[in-house]
N, C-alpha and C. Protein backbone atom coordinates (compact mmCIF):
# COMPACT_ATOMS: atom_id res chain seq x y z
N MET A 1 220.95 18.90 -8.82
CA MET A 1 219.89 18.34 -8.02
C MET A 1 220.04 16.83 -7.96
N HIS A 2 219.80 16.37 -6.81
CA HIS A 2 219.87 14.93 -6.58
C HIS A 2 218.50 14.35 -6.53
N LYS A 3 218.31 13.29 -7.39
CA LYS A 3 217.02 12.66 -7.53
C LYS A 3 216.92 11.53 -6.53
N GLN A 4 215.78 11.39 -5.88
CA GLN A 4 215.57 10.35 -4.94
C GLN A 4 214.68 9.29 -5.50
N TYR A 5 215.08 8.02 -5.18
CA TYR A 5 214.29 6.88 -5.74
C TYR A 5 213.55 6.24 -4.59
N THR A 6 212.43 5.62 -4.91
CA THR A 6 211.66 4.89 -3.96
C THR A 6 212.30 3.53 -3.76
N ARG A 7 211.80 2.79 -2.75
CA ARG A 7 212.33 1.47 -2.46
C ARG A 7 212.15 0.48 -3.63
N GLU A 8 211.10 0.61 -4.36
CA GLU A 8 210.86 -0.26 -5.48
C GLU A 8 211.78 0.06 -6.64
N GLN A 9 212.13 1.31 -6.86
CA GLN A 9 213.00 1.69 -7.96
C GLN A 9 214.48 1.42 -7.70
N ALA A 10 214.90 1.39 -6.43
CA ALA A 10 216.33 1.22 -6.14
C ALA A 10 216.90 -0.15 -6.57
N PRO A 11 216.26 -1.31 -6.33
CA PRO A 11 216.85 -2.57 -6.77
C PRO A 11 216.87 -2.63 -8.31
N ALA A 12 215.90 -2.11 -8.99
CA ALA A 12 215.91 -2.17 -10.44
C ALA A 12 217.04 -1.28 -10.97
N MET A 13 217.29 -0.17 -10.30
CA MET A 13 218.36 0.70 -10.72
C MET A 13 219.70 0.00 -10.51
N ARG A 14 219.94 -0.72 -9.42
CA ARG A 14 221.15 -1.45 -9.13
C ARG A 14 221.33 -2.53 -10.17
N ARG A 15 220.29 -3.27 -10.52
CA ARG A 15 220.38 -4.29 -11.50
C ARG A 15 220.78 -3.71 -12.85
N HIS A 16 220.21 -2.57 -13.18
CA HIS A 16 220.50 -1.90 -14.44
C HIS A 16 222.01 -1.49 -14.48
N SER A 17 222.50 -0.94 -13.39
CA SER A 17 223.89 -0.52 -13.30
C SER A 17 224.87 -1.71 -13.37
N LEU A 18 224.48 -2.81 -12.72
CA LEU A 18 225.32 -4.01 -12.77
C LEU A 18 225.31 -4.61 -14.14
N THR A 19 224.18 -4.65 -14.78
CA THR A 19 224.10 -5.14 -16.17
C THR A 19 224.95 -4.31 -17.10
N THR A 20 224.90 -3.01 -16.94
CA THR A 20 225.70 -2.10 -17.77
C THR A 20 227.17 -2.33 -17.52
N ALA A 21 227.58 -2.49 -16.31
CA ALA A 21 228.99 -2.67 -15.96
C ALA A 21 229.49 -4.03 -16.58
N ILE A 22 228.70 -5.08 -16.51
CA ILE A 22 229.09 -6.40 -17.07
C ILE A 22 229.19 -6.26 -18.60
N ALA A 23 228.29 -5.60 -19.20
CA ALA A 23 228.25 -5.46 -20.67
C ALA A 23 229.50 -4.64 -21.12
N ILE A 24 229.85 -3.60 -20.38
CA ILE A 24 231.01 -2.80 -20.76
C ILE A 24 232.34 -3.63 -20.59
N THR A 25 232.40 -4.41 -19.47
CA THR A 25 233.58 -5.24 -19.21
C THR A 25 233.76 -6.32 -20.31
N LEU A 26 232.65 -6.94 -20.71
CA LEU A 26 232.68 -7.94 -21.80
C LEU A 26 233.12 -7.34 -23.13
N ALA A 27 232.59 -6.14 -23.39
CA ALA A 27 232.92 -5.46 -24.65
C ALA A 27 234.40 -5.11 -24.69
N LEU A 28 234.95 -4.61 -23.58
CA LEU A 28 236.36 -4.31 -23.52
C LEU A 28 237.25 -5.56 -23.57
N GLY A 29 236.75 -6.63 -22.92
CA GLY A 29 237.49 -7.89 -22.94
C GLY A 29 237.60 -8.49 -24.33
N MET A 30 236.56 -8.33 -25.12
CA MET A 30 236.61 -8.85 -26.48
C MET A 30 237.36 -7.91 -27.42
N ALA A 31 237.41 -6.67 -27.14
CA ALA A 31 238.10 -5.70 -27.97
C ALA A 31 239.61 -5.80 -27.76
N GLY A 32 240.07 -6.24 -26.58
CA GLY A 32 241.48 -6.36 -26.25
C GLY A 32 242.26 -7.21 -27.25
N PRO A 33 241.81 -8.49 -27.47
CA PRO A 33 242.56 -9.31 -28.43
C PRO A 33 242.56 -8.73 -29.83
N ALA A 34 241.51 -8.13 -30.24
CA ALA A 34 241.46 -7.52 -31.59
C ALA A 34 242.45 -6.40 -31.66
N LEU A 35 242.55 -5.55 -30.63
CA LEU A 35 243.53 -4.47 -30.63
C LEU A 35 244.94 -5.04 -30.58
N ALA A 36 245.14 -6.12 -29.85
CA ALA A 36 246.44 -6.72 -29.77
C ALA A 36 246.85 -7.30 -31.12
N GLN A 37 245.89 -7.94 -31.82
CA GLN A 37 246.21 -8.45 -33.15
C GLN A 37 246.56 -7.35 -34.12
N GLN A 38 245.86 -6.24 -34.03
CA GLN A 38 246.11 -5.10 -34.91
C GLN A 38 247.53 -4.55 -34.56
N ALA A 39 247.88 -4.43 -33.31
CA ALA A 39 249.16 -3.96 -32.94
C ALA A 39 250.29 -4.90 -33.37
N ALA A 40 250.03 -6.17 -33.26
CA ALA A 40 251.01 -7.22 -33.68
C ALA A 40 251.19 -7.16 -35.24
N ALA A 41 250.10 -6.95 -35.94
CA ALA A 41 250.22 -6.85 -37.43
C ALA A 41 251.02 -5.63 -37.82
N GLU A 42 250.79 -4.51 -37.13
CA GLU A 42 251.59 -3.32 -37.40
C GLU A 42 253.06 -3.48 -37.04
N ALA A 43 253.31 -4.20 -35.92
CA ALA A 43 254.71 -4.44 -35.55
C ALA A 43 255.35 -5.42 -36.49
N GLY A 44 254.57 -6.46 -37.03
CA GLY A 44 255.05 -7.35 -38.02
C GLY A 44 255.44 -6.66 -39.32
N ASP A 45 254.63 -5.74 -39.76
CA ASP A 45 254.94 -4.95 -40.94
C ASP A 45 256.21 -4.11 -40.77
N GLU A 46 256.35 -3.55 -39.57
CA GLU A 46 257.53 -2.73 -39.25
C GLU A 46 258.76 -3.68 -39.19
N ALA A 47 258.63 -4.84 -38.58
CA ALA A 47 259.73 -5.81 -38.52
C ALA A 47 260.13 -6.30 -39.89
N ALA A 48 259.12 -6.54 -40.74
CA ALA A 48 259.45 -7.01 -42.12
C ALA A 48 260.23 -5.98 -42.88
N SER A 49 259.91 -4.72 -42.65
CA SER A 49 260.69 -3.68 -43.37
C SER A 49 262.10 -3.52 -42.79
N ASN A 50 262.28 -3.92 -41.54
CA ASN A 50 263.66 -3.83 -40.91
C ASN A 50 264.34 -5.19 -40.89
N ALA A 51 263.85 -6.20 -41.61
CA ALA A 51 264.44 -7.57 -41.55
C ALA A 51 265.85 -7.55 -42.11
N VAL A 52 266.65 -8.43 -41.51
CA VAL A 52 268.04 -8.56 -41.92
C VAL A 52 268.18 -9.87 -42.62
N THR A 53 268.77 -9.93 -43.79
CA THR A 53 269.00 -11.15 -44.54
C THR A 53 270.26 -11.78 -43.99
N LEU A 54 270.20 -13.04 -43.64
CA LEU A 54 271.35 -13.78 -43.15
C LEU A 54 272.23 -14.22 -44.32
N ASP A 55 273.56 -14.25 -44.07
CA ASP A 55 274.46 -14.70 -45.08
C ASP A 55 274.26 -16.20 -45.32
N LYS A 56 274.53 -16.62 -46.54
CA LYS A 56 274.48 -18.07 -46.84
C LYS A 56 275.80 -18.64 -46.47
N VAL A 57 275.78 -19.77 -45.76
CA VAL A 57 277.02 -20.49 -45.42
C VAL A 57 277.13 -21.67 -46.35
N MET A 58 278.11 -21.66 -47.20
CA MET A 58 278.25 -22.73 -48.16
C MET A 58 279.28 -23.77 -47.57
N VAL A 59 278.91 -25.03 -47.69
CA VAL A 59 279.75 -26.11 -47.25
C VAL A 59 279.86 -27.16 -48.34
N THR A 60 280.91 -27.98 -48.21
CA THR A 60 281.11 -29.05 -49.19
C THR A 60 281.04 -30.41 -48.50
N ALA A 61 280.15 -30.53 -47.52
CA ALA A 61 280.02 -31.77 -46.78
C ALA A 61 279.60 -32.94 -47.65
N ASN A 62 278.82 -32.69 -48.63
CA ASN A 62 278.35 -33.78 -49.55
C ASN A 62 279.13 -33.80 -50.85
N LYS A 63 280.36 -33.30 -50.77
CA LYS A 63 281.28 -33.28 -51.94
C LYS A 63 280.78 -32.38 -53.07
N ARG A 64 279.95 -31.40 -52.72
CA ARG A 64 279.53 -30.37 -53.68
C ARG A 64 279.17 -29.16 -52.80
N ALA A 65 279.34 -27.95 -53.39
CA ALA A 65 279.05 -26.75 -52.65
C ALA A 65 277.52 -26.56 -52.52
N GLU A 66 277.05 -26.43 -51.28
CA GLU A 66 275.63 -26.19 -51.06
C GLU A 66 275.46 -25.43 -49.77
N ASN A 67 274.27 -24.89 -49.59
CA ASN A 67 273.94 -24.13 -48.36
C ASN A 67 273.89 -25.08 -47.20
N ILE A 68 274.39 -24.64 -46.06
CA ILE A 68 274.45 -25.51 -44.86
C ILE A 68 273.07 -25.95 -44.40
N ARG A 69 272.04 -25.15 -44.76
CA ARG A 69 270.66 -25.52 -44.38
C ARG A 69 270.14 -26.69 -45.17
N GLU A 70 270.79 -27.01 -46.29
CA GLU A 70 270.35 -28.10 -47.18
C GLU A 70 271.03 -29.40 -46.85
N VAL A 71 272.07 -29.38 -45.99
CA VAL A 71 272.84 -30.58 -45.64
C VAL A 71 272.14 -31.34 -44.53
N ALA A 72 272.02 -32.66 -44.72
CA ALA A 72 271.27 -33.44 -43.74
C ALA A 72 272.14 -34.07 -42.68
N THR A 73 273.31 -33.50 -42.43
CA THR A 73 274.16 -33.99 -41.35
C THR A 73 274.55 -32.82 -40.44
N SER A 74 275.06 -33.14 -39.31
CA SER A 74 275.49 -32.11 -38.35
C SER A 74 276.81 -31.59 -38.72
N VAL A 75 276.89 -30.29 -39.08
CA VAL A 75 278.09 -29.64 -39.58
C VAL A 75 278.37 -28.41 -38.73
N THR A 76 279.66 -28.21 -38.35
CA THR A 76 280.08 -26.95 -37.75
C THR A 76 281.08 -26.35 -38.70
N VAL A 77 280.91 -25.08 -39.03
CA VAL A 77 281.82 -24.38 -39.96
C VAL A 77 282.53 -23.26 -39.21
N LEU A 78 283.86 -23.26 -39.26
CA LEU A 78 284.64 -22.12 -38.75
C LEU A 78 285.25 -21.42 -39.91
N SER A 79 284.90 -20.15 -40.11
CA SER A 79 285.40 -19.41 -41.25
C SER A 79 286.79 -18.86 -40.98
N GLU A 80 287.40 -18.36 -42.02
CA GLU A 80 288.74 -17.75 -41.89
C GLU A 80 288.75 -16.61 -40.86
N GLN A 81 287.71 -15.80 -40.87
CA GLN A 81 287.64 -14.72 -39.98
C GLN A 81 287.48 -15.17 -38.48
N GLN A 82 286.70 -16.24 -38.31
CA GLN A 82 286.52 -16.77 -36.95
C GLN A 82 287.91 -17.35 -36.45
N LEU A 83 288.60 -18.03 -37.33
CA LEU A 83 289.90 -18.60 -36.90
C LEU A 83 290.89 -17.47 -36.58
N GLU A 84 290.80 -16.40 -37.36
CA GLU A 84 291.69 -15.27 -37.09
C GLU A 84 291.32 -14.61 -35.76
N ASN A 85 290.01 -14.45 -35.51
CA ASN A 85 289.57 -13.82 -34.27
C ASN A 85 289.99 -14.64 -33.03
N MET A 86 290.05 -15.95 -33.14
CA MET A 86 290.44 -16.86 -32.04
C MET A 86 291.92 -16.95 -31.90
N ASN A 87 292.69 -16.37 -32.85
CA ASN A 87 294.16 -16.49 -32.85
C ASN A 87 294.56 -17.94 -32.88
N SER A 88 293.89 -18.76 -33.61
CA SER A 88 294.20 -20.18 -33.60
C SER A 88 295.36 -20.49 -34.49
N THR A 89 296.28 -21.28 -33.97
CA THR A 89 297.45 -21.69 -34.70
C THR A 89 297.52 -23.18 -34.80
N GLN A 90 296.66 -23.90 -34.12
CA GLN A 90 296.63 -25.34 -34.17
C GLN A 90 295.22 -25.83 -33.88
N LEU A 91 295.05 -27.14 -34.04
CA LEU A 91 293.72 -27.76 -33.89
C LEU A 91 293.15 -27.55 -32.47
N SER A 92 293.96 -27.63 -31.51
CA SER A 92 293.45 -27.49 -30.10
C SER A 92 292.96 -26.10 -29.80
N ASP A 93 293.31 -25.07 -30.56
CA ASP A 93 292.85 -23.72 -30.33
C ASP A 93 291.37 -23.53 -30.67
N PHE A 94 290.89 -24.25 -31.64
CA PHE A 94 289.44 -24.08 -31.98
C PHE A 94 288.60 -25.34 -31.70
N ALA A 95 289.20 -26.41 -31.15
CA ALA A 95 288.43 -27.61 -30.90
C ALA A 95 287.36 -27.43 -29.83
N SER A 96 287.61 -26.54 -28.91
CA SER A 96 286.61 -26.29 -27.83
C SER A 96 285.37 -25.61 -28.31
N TYR A 97 285.43 -25.01 -29.54
CA TYR A 97 284.29 -24.30 -30.12
C TYR A 97 283.39 -25.26 -30.92
N VAL A 98 283.82 -26.47 -31.09
CA VAL A 98 283.12 -27.45 -31.91
C VAL A 98 282.43 -28.46 -31.01
N PRO A 99 281.08 -28.54 -31.01
CA PRO A 99 280.42 -29.52 -30.15
C PRO A 99 280.76 -30.94 -30.51
N GLY A 100 281.01 -31.76 -29.49
CA GLY A 100 281.27 -33.17 -29.72
C GLY A 100 282.66 -33.51 -30.11
N LEU A 101 283.56 -32.55 -30.22
CA LEU A 101 284.96 -32.82 -30.63
C LEU A 101 285.86 -32.82 -29.37
N GLN A 102 286.57 -33.95 -29.21
CA GLN A 102 287.47 -34.05 -28.03
C GLN A 102 288.89 -34.30 -28.55
N LEU A 103 289.85 -33.66 -27.91
CA LEU A 103 291.26 -33.82 -28.24
C LEU A 103 292.04 -34.26 -27.02
N GLN A 104 293.01 -35.15 -27.28
CA GLN A 104 293.96 -35.55 -26.28
C GLN A 104 295.34 -35.30 -26.85
N SER A 105 296.01 -34.28 -26.32
CA SER A 105 297.30 -33.86 -26.86
C SER A 105 298.41 -34.61 -26.18
N ALA A 106 299.42 -35.00 -26.91
CA ALA A 106 300.61 -35.65 -26.36
C ALA A 106 301.67 -34.63 -26.03
N GLY A 107 301.37 -33.34 -26.22
CA GLY A 107 302.28 -32.28 -25.79
C GLY A 107 303.06 -31.65 -26.97
N THR A 108 303.14 -32.32 -28.11
CA THR A 108 303.83 -31.78 -29.27
C THR A 108 302.84 -31.62 -30.42
N PRO A 109 303.11 -30.67 -31.33
CA PRO A 109 302.18 -30.46 -32.46
C PRO A 109 302.12 -31.69 -33.32
N GLY A 110 300.93 -32.05 -33.71
CA GLY A 110 300.74 -33.23 -34.57
C GLY A 110 300.46 -34.49 -33.81
N GLN A 111 300.88 -34.58 -32.60
CA GLN A 111 300.64 -35.80 -31.83
C GLN A 111 299.38 -35.57 -30.97
N THR A 112 298.26 -35.68 -31.61
CA THR A 112 296.93 -35.45 -31.03
C THR A 112 296.03 -36.53 -31.35
N GLN A 113 295.32 -37.04 -30.37
CA GLN A 113 294.29 -38.07 -30.62
C GLN A 113 292.91 -37.32 -30.68
N VAL A 114 292.14 -37.61 -31.69
CA VAL A 114 290.87 -36.92 -31.90
C VAL A 114 289.76 -37.93 -31.78
N SER A 115 288.71 -37.56 -31.10
CA SER A 115 287.48 -38.39 -31.04
C SER A 115 286.31 -37.48 -31.19
N MET A 116 285.23 -38.02 -31.75
CA MET A 116 283.99 -37.22 -31.93
C MET A 116 282.82 -37.98 -31.41
N ARG A 117 281.94 -37.23 -30.78
CA ARG A 117 280.70 -37.81 -30.24
C ARG A 117 280.91 -39.05 -29.37
N GLY A 118 282.06 -39.07 -28.68
CA GLY A 118 282.34 -40.17 -27.78
C GLY A 118 282.83 -41.43 -28.43
N ILE A 119 283.04 -41.44 -29.71
CA ILE A 119 283.58 -42.61 -30.46
C ILE A 119 285.08 -42.50 -30.43
N ALA A 120 285.67 -43.07 -29.48
CA ALA A 120 287.17 -43.02 -29.33
C ALA A 120 287.77 -44.16 -30.11
N ALA A 121 289.03 -43.99 -30.39
CA ALA A 121 289.77 -45.06 -31.11
C ALA A 121 290.05 -46.22 -30.15
N MET A 122 289.48 -47.34 -30.45
CA MET A 122 289.69 -48.54 -29.64
C MET A 122 290.86 -49.40 -30.18
N SER A 123 291.26 -49.04 -31.39
CA SER A 123 292.38 -49.79 -31.98
C SER A 123 293.28 -48.73 -32.64
N PRO A 124 294.36 -49.14 -33.26
CA PRO A 124 295.21 -48.16 -33.94
C PRO A 124 294.58 -47.54 -35.17
N GLY A 125 293.46 -48.06 -35.65
CA GLY A 125 292.79 -47.48 -36.80
C GLY A 125 292.09 -46.15 -36.45
N SER A 126 291.97 -45.29 -37.42
CA SER A 126 291.39 -43.95 -37.26
C SER A 126 289.85 -44.05 -37.18
N THR A 127 289.26 -43.19 -36.35
CA THR A 127 287.81 -43.08 -36.28
C THR A 127 287.35 -41.71 -36.76
N VAL A 128 288.24 -40.72 -36.88
CA VAL A 128 287.93 -39.39 -37.39
C VAL A 128 288.86 -39.13 -38.58
N GLY A 129 288.21 -38.91 -39.75
CA GLY A 129 288.96 -38.67 -40.98
C GLY A 129 289.37 -37.22 -41.06
N THR A 130 290.46 -36.99 -41.82
CA THR A 130 290.95 -35.64 -42.07
C THR A 130 291.10 -35.46 -43.56
N TYR A 131 290.54 -34.40 -44.12
CA TYR A 131 290.66 -34.06 -45.53
C TYR A 131 291.17 -32.67 -45.68
N VAL A 132 292.03 -32.43 -46.70
CA VAL A 132 292.41 -31.12 -47.16
C VAL A 132 291.83 -30.95 -48.53
N ASP A 133 290.85 -30.04 -48.67
CA ASP A 133 290.05 -29.92 -49.85
C ASP A 133 289.38 -31.29 -50.06
N GLU A 134 289.68 -31.98 -51.14
CA GLU A 134 289.04 -33.30 -51.39
C GLU A 134 290.06 -34.43 -51.28
N THR A 135 291.17 -34.20 -50.60
CA THR A 135 292.22 -35.21 -50.52
C THR A 135 292.32 -35.73 -49.06
N PRO A 136 292.21 -37.05 -48.93
CA PRO A 136 292.39 -37.58 -47.53
C PRO A 136 293.85 -37.47 -47.05
N VAL A 137 293.97 -37.18 -45.77
CA VAL A 137 295.27 -37.02 -45.19
C VAL A 137 295.43 -38.14 -44.15
N GLY A 138 296.60 -38.76 -44.11
CA GLY A 138 296.88 -39.76 -43.12
C GLY A 138 296.37 -41.09 -43.62
N SER A 139 296.27 -42.00 -42.71
CA SER A 139 295.94 -43.38 -43.09
C SER A 139 294.89 -43.88 -42.09
N ASN A 140 294.01 -44.72 -42.52
CA ASN A 140 293.12 -45.39 -41.61
C ASN A 140 293.51 -46.84 -41.41
N ASN A 141 294.72 -47.11 -41.89
CA ASN A 141 295.28 -48.46 -41.79
C ASN A 141 295.59 -48.83 -40.37
N LEU A 142 295.40 -50.04 -40.04
CA LEU A 142 295.66 -50.56 -38.71
C LEU A 142 297.13 -50.50 -38.34
N TYR A 143 298.03 -50.60 -39.30
CA TYR A 143 299.44 -50.67 -39.02
C TYR A 143 300.14 -49.30 -39.12
N GLN A 144 299.41 -48.25 -39.40
CA GLN A 144 300.05 -46.94 -39.55
C GLN A 144 299.88 -46.07 -38.32
N GLN A 145 299.33 -46.58 -37.21
CA GLN A 145 299.11 -45.80 -36.03
C GLN A 145 298.39 -44.47 -36.32
N ALA A 146 297.27 -44.59 -37.04
CA ALA A 146 296.55 -43.33 -37.50
C ALA A 146 295.97 -42.59 -36.37
N THR A 147 295.74 -43.16 -35.24
CA THR A 147 295.12 -42.43 -34.14
C THR A 147 296.12 -41.57 -33.38
N LEU A 148 297.40 -41.80 -33.56
CA LEU A 148 298.40 -41.06 -32.80
C LEU A 148 298.80 -39.73 -33.39
N TYR A 149 298.56 -39.58 -34.70
CA TYR A 149 299.03 -38.37 -35.40
C TYR A 149 297.85 -37.69 -36.09
N GLN A 150 297.70 -36.40 -35.86
CA GLN A 150 296.63 -35.66 -36.49
C GLN A 150 297.21 -34.42 -37.15
N LEU A 151 296.70 -34.04 -38.31
CA LEU A 151 297.19 -32.87 -39.02
C LEU A 151 296.92 -31.62 -38.20
N ASP A 152 297.98 -30.85 -37.95
CA ASP A 152 297.90 -29.55 -37.34
C ASP A 152 298.23 -28.50 -38.39
N LEU A 153 297.28 -28.15 -39.17
CA LEU A 153 297.46 -27.24 -40.27
C LEU A 153 297.47 -25.82 -39.78
N LEU A 154 298.48 -25.01 -40.12
CA LEU A 154 298.50 -23.60 -39.80
C LEU A 154 297.39 -22.86 -40.53
N PRO A 155 296.59 -22.06 -39.88
CA PRO A 155 295.37 -21.49 -40.50
C PRO A 155 295.64 -20.29 -41.44
N TYR A 156 296.86 -20.02 -41.90
CA TYR A 156 297.05 -18.89 -42.74
C TYR A 156 296.40 -19.04 -44.11
N ASP A 157 296.38 -20.19 -44.67
CA ASP A 157 295.85 -20.41 -45.98
C ASP A 157 294.46 -21.10 -45.91
N VAL A 158 293.92 -21.24 -44.74
CA VAL A 158 292.66 -21.97 -44.60
C VAL A 158 291.48 -21.00 -44.79
N GLU A 159 290.59 -21.37 -45.70
CA GLU A 159 289.41 -20.56 -45.95
C GLU A 159 288.32 -20.88 -44.93
N ARG A 160 288.15 -22.15 -44.57
CA ARG A 160 287.25 -22.56 -43.54
C ARG A 160 287.55 -23.98 -43.10
N VAL A 161 287.07 -24.30 -41.94
CA VAL A 161 287.19 -25.70 -41.43
C VAL A 161 285.79 -26.16 -41.21
N GLU A 162 285.50 -27.30 -41.83
CA GLU A 162 284.18 -27.97 -41.66
C GLU A 162 284.37 -29.19 -40.80
N VAL A 163 283.59 -29.33 -39.74
CA VAL A 163 283.59 -30.52 -38.91
C VAL A 163 282.26 -31.21 -39.05
N LEU A 164 282.30 -32.41 -39.62
CA LEU A 164 281.09 -33.20 -39.82
C LEU A 164 281.03 -34.22 -38.71
N ARG A 165 279.99 -34.23 -37.92
CA ARG A 165 279.86 -35.12 -36.82
C ARG A 165 278.99 -36.30 -37.22
N GLY A 166 279.37 -37.47 -36.72
CA GLY A 166 278.60 -38.66 -37.02
C GLY A 166 279.24 -39.45 -38.12
N PRO A 167 278.77 -40.66 -38.39
CA PRO A 167 279.43 -41.51 -39.38
C PRO A 167 279.43 -40.89 -40.78
N GLN A 168 280.55 -40.82 -41.38
CA GLN A 168 280.72 -40.26 -42.75
C GLN A 168 281.30 -41.28 -43.70
N GLY A 169 281.21 -42.56 -43.40
CA GLY A 169 281.80 -43.60 -44.18
C GLY A 169 281.31 -43.73 -45.56
N THR A 170 280.08 -43.33 -45.87
CA THR A 170 279.48 -43.43 -47.18
C THR A 170 280.27 -42.59 -48.17
N LEU A 171 280.57 -41.36 -47.83
CA LEU A 171 281.28 -40.46 -48.76
C LEU A 171 282.79 -40.44 -48.49
N TYR A 172 283.20 -40.65 -47.28
CA TYR A 172 284.62 -40.42 -46.97
C TYR A 172 285.38 -41.64 -46.47
N GLY A 173 284.80 -42.79 -46.55
CA GLY A 173 285.53 -44.02 -46.28
C GLY A 173 285.44 -44.51 -44.84
N ALA A 174 286.15 -45.64 -44.57
CA ALA A 174 286.05 -46.33 -43.28
C ALA A 174 286.74 -45.55 -42.15
N GLY A 175 287.67 -44.61 -42.51
CA GLY A 175 288.37 -43.87 -41.49
C GLY A 175 287.58 -42.72 -40.90
N ALA A 176 286.30 -42.58 -41.31
CA ALA A 176 285.49 -41.43 -40.88
C ALA A 176 284.27 -41.98 -40.11
N MET A 177 284.44 -43.01 -39.33
CA MET A 177 283.33 -43.60 -38.58
C MET A 177 282.76 -42.63 -37.53
N GLY A 178 283.62 -41.84 -36.85
CA GLY A 178 283.17 -40.92 -35.85
C GLY A 178 282.83 -39.52 -36.38
N GLY A 179 283.48 -39.17 -37.52
CA GLY A 179 283.25 -37.88 -38.11
C GLY A 179 284.38 -37.51 -39.04
N LEU A 180 284.42 -36.25 -39.41
CA LEU A 180 285.39 -35.76 -40.36
C LEU A 180 285.80 -34.33 -40.06
N ILE A 181 287.07 -34.04 -40.14
CA ILE A 181 287.57 -32.68 -40.10
C ILE A 181 288.06 -32.34 -41.48
N LYS A 182 287.45 -31.33 -42.11
CA LYS A 182 287.77 -31.01 -43.47
C LYS A 182 288.26 -29.57 -43.59
N TYR A 183 289.51 -29.40 -44.02
CA TYR A 183 290.09 -28.11 -44.22
C TYR A 183 289.87 -27.70 -45.66
N THR A 184 289.30 -26.54 -45.89
CA THR A 184 289.16 -26.00 -47.24
C THR A 184 290.09 -24.83 -47.34
N LEU A 185 291.09 -24.96 -48.27
CA LEU A 185 292.08 -23.94 -48.46
C LEU A 185 291.64 -22.83 -49.37
N ASN A 186 292.28 -21.68 -49.22
CA ASN A 186 292.00 -20.56 -50.11
C ASN A 186 292.43 -20.91 -51.54
N LYS A 187 291.67 -20.43 -52.50
CA LYS A 187 292.01 -20.66 -53.89
C LYS A 187 293.25 -19.84 -54.28
N PRO A 188 294.16 -20.37 -55.10
CA PRO A 188 295.36 -19.68 -55.43
C PRO A 188 295.01 -18.40 -56.25
N ASP A 189 295.76 -17.35 -56.07
CA ASP A 189 295.61 -16.10 -56.80
C ASP A 189 296.76 -15.96 -57.78
N PRO A 190 296.52 -16.11 -59.05
CA PRO A 190 297.61 -16.04 -60.00
C PRO A 190 298.20 -14.65 -60.20
N SER A 191 297.52 -13.60 -59.74
CA SER A 191 298.09 -12.24 -60.02
C SER A 191 299.06 -11.79 -58.95
């Protein structure tokens, strides 16, 4: 049965219906963020249980082994596995993977000019230092033409290559004004 309303009852009924619709919309609008927070919390719990622990990357940029996250300088590390995956046999093979490292090859191995972060050699003195473990290689002397020759170490015994960008003169001397390329070799196996 359909109930009929008088003219006086109809506007009141419309107002009541409109008020009810607004109240329901507001209630759903406020419940949405609460439901979203609850869903996010459940997803966070699920993500925490599926979390992956990242490997620690140890570097010797400050002349002691420490986690790369604790080092206050810009460091790029290329591991032995990465060097093998790139099939790198010389410095120019992996230089394009290091931000800020530029090479100018003279066409033969070892005759490579290296600059970092745009600090090019303006004189025969070196601006990028090279170390093998904790031993400096080459010369930063003005008379040794240090910018013309760069170590092209075969990566067979290299554990990792650390490239430190920016001035490193405090720890590594005047020849590391632009940065440092540090080769860390595999430890010898006496067996």
